[in-house]
Amino acid sequence: MRVAFVGKGGSGKTTLSALFSRHLARSGAPVVAIDGDINQHLAHALGLDEDEIFAAPPLSARTGEIKDHLRGTNPRIPSRDAMVKTTPPGRGSRLLRLLGDDEIHSHHVQRVGGVPLMVTGAFDERDLGVACYHSKLGAVELYLNHLVDGPGEYVVVDMTAGADAFASGLFTRFDMTFLVVEPTRKSVSVYRQYRDHAAEFGIPVAVVGNKVTGEDDLDFLRSHVGDGLVAHCVQSGFVRAQEQGRGHDGLEPHNARALDLLREAVDARPKDWAAFQRHAVEFHLRNAAAWANEATGEDLAAQVDPDFRHGPAALAAHA
């Protein structure tokens, strides 16, 4: 299952992405965490020291090589230059297993705090004023497009802040999106934006309340979110101690239970490969018409393989 954490900047989505990823990993579940935020902090939230460097190369540094690997022998994609971030897989494409023996996982995964982690890559001086951060997320979108995750396997992505996540079709690549909401009017405003955008495409969104200090905060969230609130986290001495580099006995029982509730919500979602592929094709055609045909000089609608059916059967046929 693919899980995204989104929310207003500062709402705690990176912290919850890290806590949830560790919670899954410690249960023995196969999991990959991906830092897809413009501010790359997930590695440190997972336990990387501030003076340590995440050694694995960012996905955005090897987008060309990733394209070459994923396009495989697909005759509809003659070169990496003809492949864009929304190009869906077809017959001949290389499909991925979670943490499989492939060049993407072998090059880009580094364990941090017991969690296999991949990072998108931060902005650098060459990008300032000339590049959009969503261009760096292209490799993440390609990875998720070609991944066949099985039952009990998880990908957890820390996404960009606010409704900016809707600037690409990446928001359709998840089985569950957790919107982290603080008990404030600004945070609820972001929730409403995300809820309304997601509803247009039938994307499931569940709300996680964060930084709740008492019943007043909880009543505030319930009044604005209603049944969308699946769990809430209270102010955490454990998280604050981690952020300050101090030791702590462990996560508070209430917050540990909240992570259990999030996993239960994810596991209750049915896996819908048909909808996943339908959204992939829809957003590929949108991008082709909007910019990609002109950028590549080709009609990228021809990349859609009408006879391809995504999911375990496609992976078995590829194998």
Protein backbone atom coordinates (compact mmCIF):
# COMPACT_ATOMS: atom_id res chain seq x y z
CA MET A 1 0.00 0.00 0.00
CA ARG A 2 1.21 3.49 -0.84
CA VAL A 3 0.69 6.14 1.84
CA ALA A 4 1.23 9.90 1.57
CA PHE A 5 1.46 12.40 4.42
CA VAL A 6 0.44 15.94 3.47
CA GLY A 7 -0.52 19.08 5.34
CA LYS A 8 0.26 22.69 6.09
CA GLY A 9 3.91 23.53 6.56
CA GLY A 10 4.84 22.92 10.18
CA SER A 11 1.84 20.69 10.87
CA GLY A 12 4.07 17.73 11.69
CA LYS A 13 3.70 15.64 8.52
CA THR A 14 7.43 14.83 8.36
CA THR A 15 7.44 13.76 12.00
CA LEU A 16 4.39 11.56 11.45
CA SER A 17 5.88 10.13 8.25
CA ALA A 18 8.94 9.10 10.26
CA LEU A 19 6.95 7.73 13.21
CA PHE A 20 4.66 5.73 10.95
CA SER A 21 7.54 4.35 8.87
CA ARG A 22 9.39 3.23 12.01
CA HIS A 23 6.18 1.76 13.42
CA LEU A 24 5.75 -0.37 10.29
CA ALA A 25 9.42 -1.38 10.12
CA ARG A 26 9.52 -2.45 13.77
CA SER A 27 6.48 -4.67 13.19
CA GLY A 28 8.50 -6.55 10.57
CA ALA A 29 6.55 -5.20 7.60
CA PRO A 30 8.45 -4.46 4.38
CA VAL A 31 8.51 -0.66 4.05
CA VAL A 32 10.23 2.05 2.03
CA ALA A 33 10.06 5.69 3.08
CA ILE A 34 10.53 8.44 0.49
CA ASP A 35 11.31 12.07 1.24
CA GLY A 36 9.33 13.94 -1.41
CA ASP A 37 9.32 17.31 0.35
CA ILE A 38 11.21 20.35 -0.94
CA ASN A 39 12.67 20.58 2.57
CA GLN A 40 14.55 17.31 2.96
CA HIS A 41 14.21 16.48 6.67
CA LEU A 42 12.84 12.94 6.75
CA ALA A 43 16.27 11.30 7.19
CA HIS A 44 16.92 13.38 10.30
CA ALA A 45 13.41 12.71 11.61
CA LEU A 46 14.21 9.00 11.27
CA GLY A 47 17.36 9.41 13.34
CA LEU A 48 20.20 10.57 11.09
CA ASP A 49 22.44 12.90 13.09
CA GLU A 50 22.51 16.53 11.97
CA ASP A 51 26.19 16.26 11.08
CA GLU A 52 25.71 13.01 9.13
CA ILE A 53 25.17 12.93 5.36
CA PHE A 54 22.61 10.75 3.64
CA ALA A 55 24.99 8.80 1.41
CA ALA A 56 22.67 7.23 -1.17
CA PRO A 57 22.23 9.38 -4.29
CA PRO A 58 18.91 11.23 -4.57
CA LEU A 59 16.44 9.91 -7.11
CA SER A 60 16.49 13.18 -9.04
CA ALA A 61 20.24 12.84 -9.64
CA ARG A 62 19.76 9.73 -11.78
CA THR A 63 16.42 10.32 -13.49
CA GLY A 64 17.86 9.40 -16.88
CA GLU A 65 19.23 6.08 -15.65
CA ILE A 66 15.94 5.35 -13.88
CA LYS A 67 14.06 5.96 -17.13
CA ASP A 68 16.39 3.63 -19.02
CA HIS A 69 15.82 0.88 -16.49
CA LEU A 70 12.04 1.24 -16.30
CA ARG A 71 11.33 1.52 -20.02
CA GLY A 72 13.00 -1.85 -20.57
CA THR A 73 11.99 -3.19 -23.99
CA ASN A 74 8.71 -1.29 -24.22
CA PRO A 75 8.50 -0.47 -27.96
CA ARG A 76 6.30 2.55 -27.27
CA ILE A 77 9.21 4.30 -25.50
CA PRO A 78 12.20 4.45 -27.88
CA SER A 79 14.52 6.46 -25.59
CA ARG A 80 14.86 8.12 -22.21
CA ASP A 81 14.26 11.48 -23.89
CA ALA A 82 10.84 10.29 -25.00
CA MET A 83 9.92 9.24 -21.46
CA VAL A 84 8.39 11.81 -19.12
CA LYS A 85 7.44 11.60 -15.45
CA THR A 86 3.86 10.53 -16.24
CA THR A 87 4.72 7.85 -18.84
CA PRO A 88 2.76 4.78 -17.70
CA PRO A 89 4.17 1.26 -17.92
CA GLY A 90 3.20 -1.05 -20.74
CA ARG A 91 4.19 -4.43 -22.09
CA GLY A 92 7.98 -4.61 -22.06
CA SER A 93 8.38 -2.10 -19.23
CA ARG A 94 10.30 -3.18 -16.15
CA LEU A 95 8.06 -3.45 -13.12
CA LEU A 96 9.42 -3.26 -9.60
CA ARG A 97 8.94 -5.26 -6.42
CA LEU A 98 9.30 -3.42 -3.14
CA LEU A 99 12.97 -3.62 -2.09
CA GLY A 100 13.61 -5.91 -5.05
CA ASP A 101 16.98 -6.72 -6.57
CA ASP A 102 16.98 -3.89 -9.10
CA GLU A 103 19.20 -0.93 -9.77
CA ILE A 104 16.78 1.62 -8.33
CA HIS A 105 16.55 0.06 -4.88
CA SER A 106 20.20 -0.98 -4.88
CA HIS A 107 21.44 2.53 -5.77
CA HIS A 108 19.06 4.74 -3.84
CA VAL A 109 18.04 3.02 -0.60
CA GLN A 110 19.83 3.69 2.67
CA ARG A 111 18.62 2.44 6.04
CA VAL A 112 18.08 5.15 8.64
CA GLY A 113 16.72 4.26 12.05
CA GLY A 114 15.88 0.79 10.75
CA VAL A 115 13.84 2.19 7.83
CA PRO A 116 14.88 1.85 4.15
CA LEU A 117 14.81 5.43 2.85
CA MET A 118 15.02 7.08 -0.57
CA VAL A 119 15.19 10.84 -1.06
CA THR A 120 14.10 13.02 -3.95
CA GLY A 121 16.91 15.50 -3.57
CA ALA A 122 17.02 19.09 -2.44
CA PHE A 123 17.12 22.27 -4.47
CA ASP A 124 20.64 23.47 -5.16
CA GLU A 125 22.10 26.66 -6.59
CA ARG A 126 21.73 25.43 -10.18
CA ASP A 127 17.96 25.16 -9.69
CA LEU A 128 17.33 28.59 -8.22
CA GLY A 129 15.19 30.73 -10.50
CA VAL A 130 15.15 28.20 -13.34
CA ALA A 131 13.56 24.96 -12.09
CA CYS A 132 10.33 23.84 -10.48
CA TYR A 133 10.64 21.46 -7.56
CA HIS A 134 8.08 19.17 -9.16
CA SER A 135 10.64 18.34 -11.85
CA LYS A 136 12.64 16.60 -9.10
CA LEU A 137 9.57 14.59 -8.08
CA GLY A 138 9.39 13.05 -11.56
CA ALA A 139 11.58 10.11 -10.55
CA VAL A 140 9.28 9.40 -7.57
CA GLU A 141 6.26 9.39 -9.87
CA LEU A 142 7.99 7.01 -12.29
CA TYR A 143 8.98 4.74 -9.40
CA LEU A 144 5.43 4.55 -8.08
CA ASN A 145 4.00 4.08 -11.59
CA HIS A 146 6.14 0.96 -12.08
CA LEU A 147 5.94 -0.49 -8.56
CA VAL A 148 3.80 -3.54 -7.82
CA ASP A 149 3.51 -3.56 -4.04
CA GLY A 150 2.04 -6.66 -2.49
CA PRO A 151 -0.19 -7.26 0.56
CA GLY A 152 1.45 -6.15 3.78
CA GLU A 153 4.03 -3.98 1.97
CA TYR A 154 4.15 -0.22 2.43
CA VAL A 155 5.58 2.87 0.76
CA VAL A 156 5.39 6.00 2.92
CA VAL A 157 5.97 9.36 1.22
CA ASP A 158 6.48 12.68 2.97
CA MET A 159 4.98 15.10 0.45
CA THR A 160 5.34 18.83 -0.19
CA ALA A 161 3.40 21.18 2.08
CA GLY A 162 -0.08 22.48 1.45
CA ALA A 163 -2.19 22.00 -1.67
CA ASP A 164 0.99 22.30 -3.76
CA ALA A 165 0.90 18.50 -3.96
CA PHE A 166 -1.80 18.91 -6.63
CA ALA A 167 0.64 20.57 -9.03
CA SER A 168 1.34 17.12 -10.48
CA GLY A 169 -0.50 13.83 -10.85
CA LEU A 170 1.57 12.35 -8.04
CA PHE A 171 -1.34 12.76 -5.64
CA THR A 172 -3.19 9.97 -7.50
CA ARG A 173 -0.41 7.42 -6.87
CA PHE A 174 -1.46 6.57 -3.31
CA ASP A 175 -3.89 4.13 -1.74
CA MET A 176 -4.30 6.42 1.27
CA THR A 177 -3.45 10.05 1.89
CA PHE A 178 -3.18 11.22 5.49
CA LEU A 179 -3.76 14.93 5.87
CA VAL A 180 -2.08 16.17 9.04
CA VAL A 181 -4.21 18.91 10.59
CA GLU A 182 -3.45 21.06 13.62
CA PRO A 183 -6.34 22.51 15.64
CA THR A 184 -6.03 25.91 13.93
CA ARG A 185 -8.05 27.74 11.30
CA LYS A 186 -5.10 27.90 8.89
CA SER A 187 -4.53 24.17 9.06
CA VAL A 188 -8.23 23.46 8.58
CA SER A 189 -8.19 25.73 5.53
CA VAL A 190 -5.51 23.54 3.92
CA TYR A 191 -7.62 20.50 4.80
CA ARG A 192 -10.62 21.94 2.93
CA GLN A 193 -8.50 22.70 -0.15
CA TYR A 194 -7.05 19.20 -0.23
CA ARG A 195 -10.39 17.52 0.49
CA ASP A 196 -12.12 19.36 -2.35
CA HIS A 197 -9.36 18.69 -4.89
CA ALA A 198 -9.11 15.03 -3.94
CA ALA A 199 -12.87 14.53 -4.15
CA GLU A 200 -12.79 15.48 -7.85
CA PHE A 201 -10.78 12.34 -8.58
CA GLY A 202 -12.08 9.98 -5.92
CA ILE A 203 -8.80 10.07 -3.97
CA PRO A 204 -9.24 8.84 -0.37
CA VAL A 205 -8.14 11.35 2.26
CA ALA A 206 -8.15 10.75 6.01
CA VAL A 207 -7.30 13.31 8.66
CA VAL A 208 -4.77 12.93 11.44
CA GLY A 209 -5.09 15.54 14.16
CA ASN A 210 -1.75 16.67 15.55
CA LYS A 211 -0.48 18.72 18.48
CA VAL A 212 -3.74 18.23 20.34
CA THR A 213 -3.48 19.59 23.90
CA GLY A 214 -6.95 18.84 25.26
CA GLU A 215 -10.67 18.41 24.65
CA ASP A 216 -11.06 21.92 23.26
CA ASP A 217 -8.59 21.14 20.48
CA LEU A 218 -10.25 17.82 19.78
CA ASP A 219 -13.73 19.41 19.68
CA PHE A 220 -12.39 22.02 17.25
CA LEU A 221 -11.07 19.34 14.90
CA ARG A 222 -14.23 17.27 15.09
CA SER A 223 -16.39 20.29 14.33
CA HIS A 224 -14.44 21.04 11.14
CA VAL A 225 -13.42 17.56 9.99
CA GLY A 226 -16.18 15.30 11.28
CA ASP A 227 -15.89 11.63 10.41
CA GLY A 228 -12.73 12.30 8.39
CA LEU A 229 -10.71 12.32 11.63
CA VAL A 230 -9.26 8.80 11.99
CA ALA A 231 -6.78 9.49 14.80
CA HIS A 232 -5.09 12.28 16.70
CA CYS A 233 -1.72 12.76 18.37
CA VAL A 234 -1.10 14.67 21.55
CA GLN A 235 1.89 16.87 22.26
CA SER A 236 4.81 14.48 22.48
CA GLY A 237 7.69 14.66 24.91
CA PHE A 238 9.30 11.81 22.97
CA VAL A 239 9.30 13.80 19.71
CA ARG A 240 10.56 16.96 21.44
CA ALA A 241 13.39 15.00 23.10
CA GLN A 242 14.40 13.55 19.72
CA GLU A 243 14.39 16.98 18.12
CA GLN A 244 16.63 18.26 20.90
CA GLY A 245 18.99 15.29 20.73
CA ARG A 246 18.01 13.95 24.14
CA GLY A 247 17.09 10.44 25.16
CA HIS A 248 13.53 9.45 26.03
CA ASP A 249 11.81 6.29 27.26
CA GLY A 250 9.57 5.91 24.21
CA LEU A 251 6.53 7.18 22.37
CA GLU A 252 3.52 7.94 24.55
CA PRO A 253 0.88 5.14 24.64
CA HIS A 254 -1.80 7.41 23.13
CA ASN A 255 0.41 8.33 20.18
CA ALA A 256 1.50 4.71 19.69
CA ARG A 257 -2.17 3.77 19.52
CA ALA A 258 -2.72 6.53 16.95
CA LEU A 259 -0.12 4.87 14.71
CA ASP A 260 -1.99 1.57 15.08
CA LEU A 261 -5.17 3.32 13.95
CA LEU A 262 -3.42 4.74 10.90
CA ARG A 263 -2.20 1.29 9.90
CA GLU A 264 -5.68 -0.12 10.37
CA ALA A 265 -7.08 2.60 8.10
CA VAL A 266 -4.50 1.82 5.42
CA ASP A 267 -5.02 -1.94 5.63
CA ALA A 268 -8.79 -1.49 5.32
CA ARG A 269 -8.41 0.14 1.89
CA PRO A 270 -8.95 -2.21 -1.05
CA LYS A 271 -6.16 -2.25 -3.62
CA ASP A 272 -7.62 -0.98 -6.90
CA TRP A 273 -5.10 -1.54 -9.70
CA ALA A 274 -7.64 -0.65 -12.39
CA ALA A 275 -8.24 2.80 -10.89
CA PHE A 276 -4.49 3.26 -10.39
CA GLN A 277 -3.80 2.62 -14.08
CA ARG A 278 -6.80 4.68 -15.18
CA HIS A 279 -5.51 7.71 -13.27
CA ALA A 280 -2.00 7.14 -14.63
CA VAL A 281 -3.27 7.22 -18.21
CA GLU A 282 -5.55 10.19 -17.58
CA PHE A 283 -2.79 12.37 -16.13
CA HIS A 284 -0.29 11.25 -18.75
CA LEU A 285 -2.63 12.41 -21.51
CA ARG A 286 -3.22 15.70 -19.67
CA ASN A 287 0.50 16.33 -19.37
CA ALA A 288 1.13 15.28 -22.97
CA ALA A 289 -1.37 17.84 -24.23
CA ALA A 290 -0.28 20.58 -21.82
CA TRP A 291 3.51 20.48 -22.30
CA ALA A 292 5.10 17.10 -22.91
CA ASN A 293 4.26 16.69 -26.61
CA GLU A 294 5.88 20.02 -27.36
CA ALA A 295 8.85 19.34 -25.08
CA THR A 296 9.65 15.97 -26.66
CA GLY A 297 8.48 16.64 -30.21
CA GLU A 298 6.38 13.46 -30.10
CA ASP A 299 2.77 12.46 -29.62
CA LEU A 300 3.05 10.88 -26.18
CA ALA A 301 -0.51 9.57 -26.27
CA ALA A 302 1.02 6.73 -28.29
CA GLN A 303 2.87 5.60 -25.16
CA VAL A 304 -0.38 4.32 -23.62
CA ASP A 305 -0.63 0.56 -24.03
CA PRO A 306 -4.39 -0.17 -24.12
CA ASP A 307 -3.85 -3.88 -23.48
CA PHE A 308 -1.66 -3.44 -20.38
CA ARG A 309 -3.24 -4.34 -17.03
CA HIS A 310 -1.25 -3.21 -14.00
CA GLY A 311 -0.78 -5.30 -10.88
CA PRO A 312 0.51 -8.69 -9.75
CA ALA A 313 -0.51 -10.44 -12.97
CA ALA A 314 1.55 -7.98 -15.02
CA LEU A 315 4.50 -8.52 -12.70
CA ALA A 316 4.19 -12.29 -13.05
CA ALA A 317 4.03 -12.00 -16.83
CA HIS A 318 7.08 -9.73 -16.83
CA ALA A 319 9.01 -12.18 -14.65
